[in-house]
Amino acid sequence: MTEATISDCACGRSLHYNDPEIGAIIRDISDTNGEFITINIGERAFKVQRHYIALHGIKAQDLLAARVPCEEITEKSE
């Protein structure tokens, strides 16, 4: 699947934006910069889907407690 055809949120639902304009903005950002963003918390790093963040928000404590669908990565992004 290419980033231009992403139709699912990491939560398991199809993309569920209430405002189509916001959805279009996040799609453009994802197409330009990639579907995932790296979030650093201390010495840990997590790859999180941009759509998930836009739709659900994100808190460090939820990442650390594994309550967010993401991938912990070993390399910290600078």
PDB file of N, CA and C in Angstrom:
ATOM      1  N   MET A   1       0.843  -1.178   0.000  1.00  0.00           N
ATOM      2  CA  MET A   1       0.000   0.000   0.000  1.00  0.00           C
ATOM      3  C   MET A   1       0.890   1.243   0.000  1.00  0.00           C
ATOM      4  N   THR A   2       0.608   2.154  -0.893  1.00  0.00           N
ATOM      5  CA  THR A   2       1.362   3.402  -0.904  1.00  0.00           C
ATOM      6  C   THR A   2       0.700   4.393   0.021  1.00  0.00           C
ATOM      7  N   GLU A   3       1.468   5.380   0.408  1.00  0.00           N
ATOM      8  CA  GLU A   3       0.924   6.352   1.350  1.00  0.00           C
ATOM      9  C   GLU A   3      -0.274   7.096   0.775  1.00  0.00           C
ATOM     10  N   ALA A   4      -0.328   7.269  -0.546  1.00  0.00           N
ATOM     11  CA  ALA A   4      -1.440   7.982  -1.172  1.00  0.00           C
ATOM     12  C   ALA A   4      -2.741   7.199  -1.069  1.00  0.00           C
ATOM     13  N   THR A   5      -2.675   5.888  -0.767  1.00  0.00           N
ATOM     14  CA  THR A   5      -3.883   5.075  -0.709  1.00  0.00           C
ATOM     15  C   THR A   5      -4.245   4.666   0.718  1.00  0.00           C
ATOM     16  N   ILE A   6      -3.643   5.260   1.695  1.00  0.00           N
ATOM     17  CA  ILE A   6      -3.940   4.918   3.088  1.00  0.00           C
ATOM     18  C   ILE A   6      -5.394   5.258   3.387  1.00  0.00           C
ATOM     19  N   SER A   7      -6.127   4.272   3.895  1.00  0.00           N
ATOM     20  CA  SER A   7      -7.533   4.518   4.188  1.00  0.00           C
ATOM     21  C   SER A   7      -7.911   4.074   5.596  1.00  0.00           C
ATOM     22  N   ASP A   8      -6.937   3.611   6.364  1.00  0.00           N
ATOM     23  CA  ASP A   8      -7.233   3.131   7.708  1.00  0.00           C
ATOM     24  C   ASP A   8      -6.419   3.875   8.753  1.00  0.00           C
ATOM     25  N   CYS A   9      -7.070   4.154   9.850  1.00  0.00           N
ATOM     26  CA  CYS A   9      -6.417   4.715  11.031  1.00  0.00           C
ATOM     27  C   CYS A   9      -5.767   3.555  11.781  1.00  0.00           C
ATOM     28  N   ALA A  10      -4.709   3.831  12.488  1.00  0.00           N
ATOM     29  CA  ALA A  10      -4.031   2.790  13.266  1.00  0.00           C
ATOM     30  C   ALA A  10      -4.934   2.193  14.343  1.00  0.00           C
ATOM     31  N   CYS A  11      -6.041   2.856  14.667  1.00  0.00           N
ATOM     32  CA  CYS A  11      -6.981   2.316  15.660  1.00  0.00           C
ATOM     33  C   CYS A  11      -7.797   1.163  15.101  1.00  0.00           C
ATOM     34  N   GLY A  12      -7.725   0.963  13.768  1.00  0.00           N
ATOM     35  CA  GLY A  12      -8.446  -0.129  13.146  1.00  0.00           C
ATOM     36  C   GLY A  12      -9.664   0.317  12.342  1.00  0.00           C
ATOM     37  N   ARG A  13     -10.090   1.532  12.522  1.00  0.00           N
ATOM     38  CA  ARG A  13     -11.229   2.067  11.761  1.00  0.00           C
ATOM     39  C   ARG A  13     -10.729   2.703  10.469  1.00  0.00           C
ATOM     40  N   SER A  14     -11.640   2.868   9.518  1.00  0.00           N
ATOM     41  CA  SER A  14     -11.270   3.656   8.351  1.00  0.00           C
ATOM     42  C   SER A  14     -11.050   5.087   8.838  1.00  0.00           C
ATOM     43  N   LEU A  15     -10.362   5.891   8.046  1.00  0.00           N
ATOM     44  CA  LEU A  15     -10.091   7.273   8.483  1.00  0.00           C
ATOM     45  C   LEU A  15     -11.423   7.947   8.802  1.00  0.00           C
ATOM     46  N   HIS A  16     -11.543   8.517   9.974  1.00  0.00           N
ATOM     47  CA  HIS A  16     -12.830   8.973  10.490  1.00  0.00           C
ATOM     48  C   HIS A  16     -12.793  10.444  10.890  1.00  0.00           C
ATOM     49  N   TYR A  17     -12.361  11.277   9.957  1.00  0.00           N
ATOM     50  CA  TYR A  17     -12.336  12.719  10.200  1.00  0.00           C
ATOM     51  C   TYR A  17     -13.757  13.278  10.160  1.00  0.00           C
ATOM     52  N   ASN A  18     -14.097  14.105  11.126  1.00  0.00           N
ATOM     53  CA  ASN A  18     -15.385  14.804  11.109  1.00  0.00           C
ATOM     54  C   ASN A  18     -15.370  15.936  10.095  1.00  0.00           C
ATOM     55  N   ASP A  19     -14.193  16.505   9.872  1.00  0.00           N
ATOM     56  CA  ASP A  19     -14.031  17.626   8.955  1.00  0.00           C
ATOM     57  C   ASP A  19     -13.194  17.157   7.758  1.00  0.00           C
ATOM     58  N   PRO A  20     -13.797  17.057   6.573  1.00  0.00           N
ATOM     59  CA  PRO A  20     -13.055  16.581   5.405  1.00  0.00           C
ATOM     60  C   PRO A  20     -11.842  17.452   5.067  1.00  0.00           C
ATOM     61  N   GLU A  21     -11.895  18.731   5.369  1.00  0.00           N
ATOM     62  CA  GLU A  21     -10.753  19.611   5.096  1.00  0.00           C
ATOM     63  C   GLU A  21      -9.551  19.226   5.951  1.00  0.00           C
ATOM     64  N   ILE A  22      -9.784  18.904   7.215  1.00  0.00           N
ATOM     65  CA  ILE A  22      -8.696  18.454   8.093  1.00  0.00           C
ATOM     66  C   ILE A  22      -8.132  17.142   7.571  1.00  0.00           C
ATOM     67  N   GLY A  23      -9.004  16.224   7.173  1.00  0.00           N
ATOM     68  CA  GLY A  23      -8.550  14.955   6.615  1.00  0.00           C
ATOM     69  C   GLY A  23      -7.665  15.165   5.394  1.00  0.00           C
ATOM     70  N   ALA A  24      -8.056  16.097   4.520  1.00  0.00           N
ATOM     71  CA  ALA A  24      -7.267  16.380   3.321  1.00  0.00           C
ATOM     72  C   ALA A  24      -5.905  16.965   3.684  1.00  0.00           C
ATOM     73  N   ILE A  25      -5.872  17.822   4.678  1.00  0.00           N
ATOM     74  CA  ILE A  25      -4.605  18.426   5.124  1.00  0.00           C
ATOM     75  C   ILE A  25      -3.660  17.343   5.643  1.00  0.00           C
ATOM     76  N   ILE A  26      -4.166  16.455   6.499  1.00  0.00           N
ATOM     77  CA  ILE A  26      -3.323  15.401   7.069  1.00  0.00           C
ATOM     78  C   ILE A  26      -2.887  14.425   5.981  1.00  0.00           C
ATOM     79  N   ARG A  27      -3.754  14.129   5.017  1.00  0.00           N
ATOM     80  CA  ARG A  27      -3.352  13.270   3.892  1.00  0.00           C
ATOM     81  C   ARG A  27      -2.199  13.901   3.124  1.00  0.00           C
ATOM     82  N   ASP A  28      -2.300  15.211   2.854  1.00  0.00           N
ATOM     83  CA  ASP A  28      -1.220  15.916   2.145  1.00  0.00           C
ATOM     84  C   ASP A  28       0.089  15.859   2.935  1.00  0.00           C
ATOM     85  N   ILE A  29      -0.006  16.088   4.248  1.00  0.00           N
ATOM     86  CA  ILE A  29       1.193  16.025   5.097  1.00  0.00           C
ATOM     87  C   ILE A  29       1.790  14.620   5.056  1.00  0.00           C
ATOM     88  N   SER A  30       0.938  13.599   5.141  1.00  0.00           N
ATOM     89  CA  SER A  30       1.415  12.212   5.103  1.00  0.00           C
ATOM     90  C   SER A  30       2.038  11.881   3.752  1.00  0.00           C
ATOM     91  N   ASP A  31       1.423  12.350   2.677  1.00  0.00           N
ATOM     92  CA  ASP A  31       1.970  12.095   1.343  1.00  0.00           C
ATOM     93  C   ASP A  31       3.338  12.741   1.183  1.00  0.00           C
ATOM     94  N   THR A  32       3.502  13.924   1.762  1.00  0.00           N
ATOM     95  CA  THR A  32       4.756  14.669   1.635  1.00  0.00           C
ATOM     96  C   THR A  32       5.838  14.157   2.576  1.00  0.00           C
ATOM     97  N   ASN A  33       5.467  13.878   3.824  1.00  0.00           N
ATOM     98  CA  ASN A  33       6.457  13.586   4.869  1.00  0.00           C
ATOM     99  C   ASN A  33       6.468  12.142   5.355  1.00  0.00           C
ATOM    100  N   GLY A  34       5.563  11.323   4.869  1.00  0.00           N
ATOM    101  CA  GLY A  34       5.498   9.932   5.306  1.00  0.00           C
ATOM    102  C   GLY A  34       4.332   9.693   6.249  1.00  0.00           C
ATOM    103  N   GLU A  35       3.860   8.465   6.258  1.00  0.00           N
ATOM    104  CA  GLU A  35       2.694   8.094   7.059  1.00  0.00           C
ATOM    105  C   GLU A  35       2.962   8.181   8.558  1.00  0.00           C
ATOM    106  N   PHE A  36       4.206   7.944   8.951  1.00  0.00           N
ATOM    107  CA  PHE A  36       4.542   7.876  10.379  1.00  0.00           C
ATOM    108  C   PHE A  36       5.474   9.005  10.774  1.00  0.00           C
ATOM    109  N   ILE A  37       5.408   9.360  12.033  1.00  0.00           N
ATOM    110  CA  ILE A  37       6.310  10.345  12.614  1.00  0.00           C
ATOM    111  C   ILE A  37       6.995   9.671  13.806  1.00  0.00           C
ATOM    112  N   THR A  38       8.242  10.017  14.045  1.00  0.00           N
ATOM    113  CA  THR A  38       8.962   9.474  15.198  1.00  0.00           C
ATOM    114  C   THR A  38       8.803  10.431  16.370  1.00  0.00           C
ATOM    115  N   ILE A  39       8.380   9.886  17.490  1.00  0.00           N
ATOM    116  CA  ILE A  39       8.225  10.657  18.725  1.00  0.00           C
ATOM    117  C   ILE A  39       9.237  10.128  19.727  1.00  0.00           C
ATOM    118  N   ASN A  40      10.060  11.026  20.239  1.00  0.00           N
ATOM    119  CA  ASN A  40      11.085  10.668  21.225  1.00  0.00           C
ATOM    120  C   ASN A  40      10.603  11.027  22.624  1.00  0.00           C
ATOM    121  N   ILE A  41      10.782  10.089  23.531  1.00  0.00           N
ATOM    122  CA  ILE A  41      10.491  10.318  24.949  1.00  0.00           C
ATOM    123  C   ILE A  41      11.696   9.793  25.717  1.00  0.00           C
ATOM    124  N   GLY A  42      12.478  10.704  26.216  1.00  0.00           N
ATOM    125  CA  GLY A  42      13.721  10.294  26.873  1.00  0.00           C
ATOM    126  C   GLY A  42      14.598   9.552  25.890  1.00  0.00           C
ATOM    127  N   GLU A  43      15.016   8.357  26.258  1.00  0.00           N
ATOM    128  CA  GLU A  43      15.870   7.546  25.394  1.00  0.00           C
ATOM    129  C   GLU A  43      15.070   6.600  24.506  1.00  0.00           C
ATOM    130  N   ARG A  44      13.750   6.674  24.562  1.00  0.00           N
ATOM    131  CA  ARG A  44      12.903   5.784  23.763  1.00  0.00           C
ATOM    132  C   ARG A  44      12.328   6.549  22.575  1.00  0.00           C
ATOM    133  N   ALA A  45      12.041   5.809  21.490  1.00  0.00           N
ATOM    134  CA  ALA A  45      11.469   6.416  20.296  1.00  0.00           C
ATOM    135  C   ALA A  45      10.347   5.524  19.771  1.00  0.00           C
ATOM    136  N   PHE A  46       9.312   6.165  19.247  1.00  0.00           N
ATOM    137  CA  PHE A  46       8.134   5.461  18.775  1.00  0.00           C
ATOM    138  C   PHE A  46       7.732   5.983  17.401  1.00  0.00           C
ATOM    139  N   LYS A  47       7.357   5.072  16.500  1.00  0.00           N
ATOM    140  CA  LYS A  47       6.798   5.445  15.207  1.00  0.00           C
ATOM    141  C   LYS A  47       5.285   5.425  15.343  1.00  0.00           C
ATOM    142  N   VAL A  48       4.650   6.586  15.125  1.00  0.00           N
ATOM    143  CA  VAL A  48       3.209   6.711  15.295  1.00  0.00           C
ATOM    144  C   VAL A  48       2.607   7.264  14.003  1.00  0.00           C
ATOM    145  N   GLN A  49       1.480   6.726  13.611  1.00  0.00           N
ATOM    146  CA  GLN A  49       0.804   7.174  12.396  1.00  0.00           C
ATOM    147  C   GLN A  49       0.280   8.605  12.566  1.00  0.00           C
ATOM    148  N   ARG A  50       0.564   9.445  11.576  1.00  0.00           N
ATOM    149  CA  ARG A  50       0.113  10.848  11.613  1.00  0.00           C
ATOM    150  C   ARG A  50      -1.411  10.938  11.718  1.00  0.00           C
ATOM    151  N   HIS A  51      -2.126  10.082  10.992  1.00  0.00           N
ATOM    152  CA  HIS A  51      -3.591  10.116  11.058  1.00  0.00           C
ATOM    153  C   HIS A  51      -4.079   9.791  12.472  1.00  0.00           C
ATOM    154  N   TYR A  52      -3.444   8.814  13.113  1.00  0.00           N
ATOM    155  CA  TYR A  52      -3.851   8.465  14.476  1.00  0.00           C
ATOM    156  C   TYR A  52      -3.700   9.677  15.403  1.00  0.00           C
ATOM    157  N   ILE A  53      -2.584  10.367  15.291  1.00  0.00           N
ATOM    158  CA  ILE A  53      -2.349  11.535  16.141  1.00  0.00           C
ATOM    159  C   ILE A  53      -3.396  12.606  15.869  1.00  0.00           C
ATOM    160  N   ALA A  54      -3.679  12.873  14.589  1.00  0.00           N
ATOM    161  CA  ALA A  54      -4.658  13.905  14.236  1.00  0.00           C
ATOM    162  C   ALA A  54      -6.057  13.538  14.720  1.00  0.00           C
ATOM    163  N   LEU A  55      -6.390  12.264  14.683  1.00  0.00           N
ATOM    164  CA  LEU A  55      -7.744  11.834  15.045  1.00  0.00           C
ATOM    165  C   LEU A  55      -7.938  11.592  16.541  1.00  0.00           C
ATOM    166  N   HIS A  56      -6.887  11.191  17.232  1.00  0.00           N
ATOM    167  CA  HIS A  56      -7.036  10.775  18.629  1.00  0.00           C
ATOM    168  C   HIS A  56      -6.217  11.598  19.616  1.00  0.00           C
ATOM    169  N   GLY A  57      -5.243  12.347  19.111  1.00  0.00           N
ATOM    170  CA  GLY A  57      -4.308  13.005  20.016  1.00  0.00           C
ATOM    171  C   GLY A  57      -3.349  11.965  20.567  1.00  0.00           C
ATOM    172  N   ILE A  58      -2.397  12.432  21.339  1.00  0.00           N
ATOM    173  CA  ILE A  58      -1.409  11.498  21.878  1.00  0.00           C
ATOM    174  C   ILE A  58      -0.799  12.084  23.143  1.00  0.00           C
ATOM    175  N   LYS A  59      -0.566  11.233  24.111  1.00  0.00           N
ATOM    176  CA  LYS A  59       0.084  11.631  25.361  1.00  0.00           C
ATOM    177  C   LYS A  59       1.283  10.712  25.574  1.00  0.00           C
ATOM    178  N   ALA A  60       2.349  11.284  26.080  1.00  0.00           N
ATOM    179  CA  ALA A  60       3.556  10.493  26.345  1.00  0.00           C
ATOM    180  C   ALA A  60       3.239   9.312  27.249  1.00  0.00           C
ATOM    181  N   GLN A  61       2.439   9.527  28.280  1.00  0.00           N
ATOM    182  CA  GLN A  61       2.141   8.443  29.213  1.00  0.00           C
ATOM    183  C   GLN A  61       1.423   7.287  28.510  1.00  0.00           C
ATOM    184  N   ASP A  62       0.611   7.579  27.494  1.00  0.00           N
ATOM    185  CA  ASP A  62      -0.066   6.513  26.758  1.00  0.00           C
ATOM    186  C   ASP A  62       0.912   5.742  25.869  1.00  0.00           C
ATOM    187  N   LEU A  63       1.871   6.455  25.286  1.00  0.00           N
ATOM    188  CA  LEU A  63       2.901   5.770  24.504  1.00  0.00           C
ATOM    189  C   LEU A  63       3.719   4.840  25.393  1.00  0.00           C
ATOM    190  N   LEU A  64       4.158   5.350  26.519  1.00  0.00           N
ATOM    191  CA  LEU A  64       5.006   4.570  27.426  1.00  0.00           C
ATOM    192  C   LEU A  64       4.268   3.377  28.012  1.00  0.00           C
ATOM    193  N   ALA A  65       2.948   3.494  28.164  1.00  0.00           N
ATOM    194  CA  ALA A  65       2.153   2.399  28.726  1.00  0.00           C
ATOM    195  C   ALA A  65       1.608   1.474  27.633  1.00  0.00           C
ATOM    196  N   ALA A  66       2.037   1.682  26.398  1.00  0.00           N
ATOM    197  CA  ALA A  66       1.631   0.849  25.263  1.00  0.00           C
ATOM    198  C   ALA A  66       0.127   0.872  25.031  1.00  0.00           C
ATOM    199  N   ARG A  67      -0.486   2.044  25.243  1.00  0.00           N
ATOM    200  CA  ARG A  67      -1.921   2.190  24.974  1.00  0.00           C
ATOM    201  C   ARG A  67      -2.177   2.847  23.626  1.00  0.00           C
ATOM    202  N   VAL A  68      -1.139   3.019  22.836  1.00  0.00           N
ATOM    203  CA  VAL A  68      -1.239   3.637  21.515  1.00  0.00           C
ATOM    204  C   VAL A  68      -0.721   2.643  20.485  1.00  0.00           C
ATOM    205  N   PRO A  69      -1.455   2.444  19.378  1.00  0.00           N
ATOM    206  CA  PRO A  69      -0.946   1.536  18.357  1.00  0.00           C
ATOM    207  C   PRO A  69       0.254   2.163  17.647  1.00  0.00           C
ATOM    208  N   CYS A  70       1.425   1.666  17.980  1.00  0.00           N
ATOM    209  CA  CYS A  70       2.657   2.225  17.434  1.00  0.00           C
ATOM    210  C   CYS A  70       3.740   1.162  17.478  1.00  0.00           C
ATOM    211  N   GLU A  71       4.888   1.526  16.930  1.00  0.00           N
ATOM    212  CA  GLU A  71       6.046   0.636  16.967  1.00  0.00           C
ATOM    213  C   GLU A  71       7.154   1.335  17.732  1.00  0.00           C
ATOM    214  N   GLU A  72       7.652   0.690  18.776  1.00  0.00           N
ATOM    215  CA  GLU A  72       8.820   1.259  19.451  1.00  0.00           C
ATOM    216  C   GLU A  72      10.033   0.916  18.617  1.00  0.00           C
ATOM    217  N   ILE A  73      10.842   1.914  18.362  1.00  0.00           N
ATOM    218  CA  ILE A  73      12.029   1.702  17.556  1.00  0.00           C
ATOM    219  C   ILE A  73      13.271   1.914  18.404  1.00  0.00           C
ATOM    220  N   THR A  74      14.362   1.326  17.974  1.00  0.00           N
ATOM    221  CA  THR A  74      15.572   1.389  18.790  1.00  0.00           C
ATOM    222  C   THR A  74      16.385   2.634  18.539  1.00  0.00           C
ATOM    223  N   GLU A  75      16.214   3.261  17.386  1.00  0.00           N
ATOM    224  CA  GLU A  75      16.991   4.455  17.073  1.00  0.00           C
ATOM    225  C   GLU A  75      16.215   5.702  17.420  1.00  0.00           C
ATOM    226  N   LYS A  76      16.797   6.545  18.217  1.00  0.00           N
ATOM    227  CA  LYS A  76      16.181   7.812  18.566  1.00  0.00           C
ATOM    228  C   LYS A  76      16.412   8.786  17.423  1.00  0.00           C
ATOM    229  N   SER A  77      15.359   9.508  17.031  1.00  0.00           N
ATOM    230  CA  SER A  77      15.477  10.483  15.961  1.00  0.00           C
ATOM    231  C   SER A  77      16.039  11.776  16.506  1.00  0.00           C
ATOM    232  N   GLU A  78      16.941  12.395  15.790  1.00  0.00           N
ATOM    233  CA  GLU A  78      17.544  13.671  16.235  1.00  0.00           C
ATOM    234  C   GLU A  78      16.766  14.837  15.737  1.00  0.00           C
TER     235      GLU A  78
END
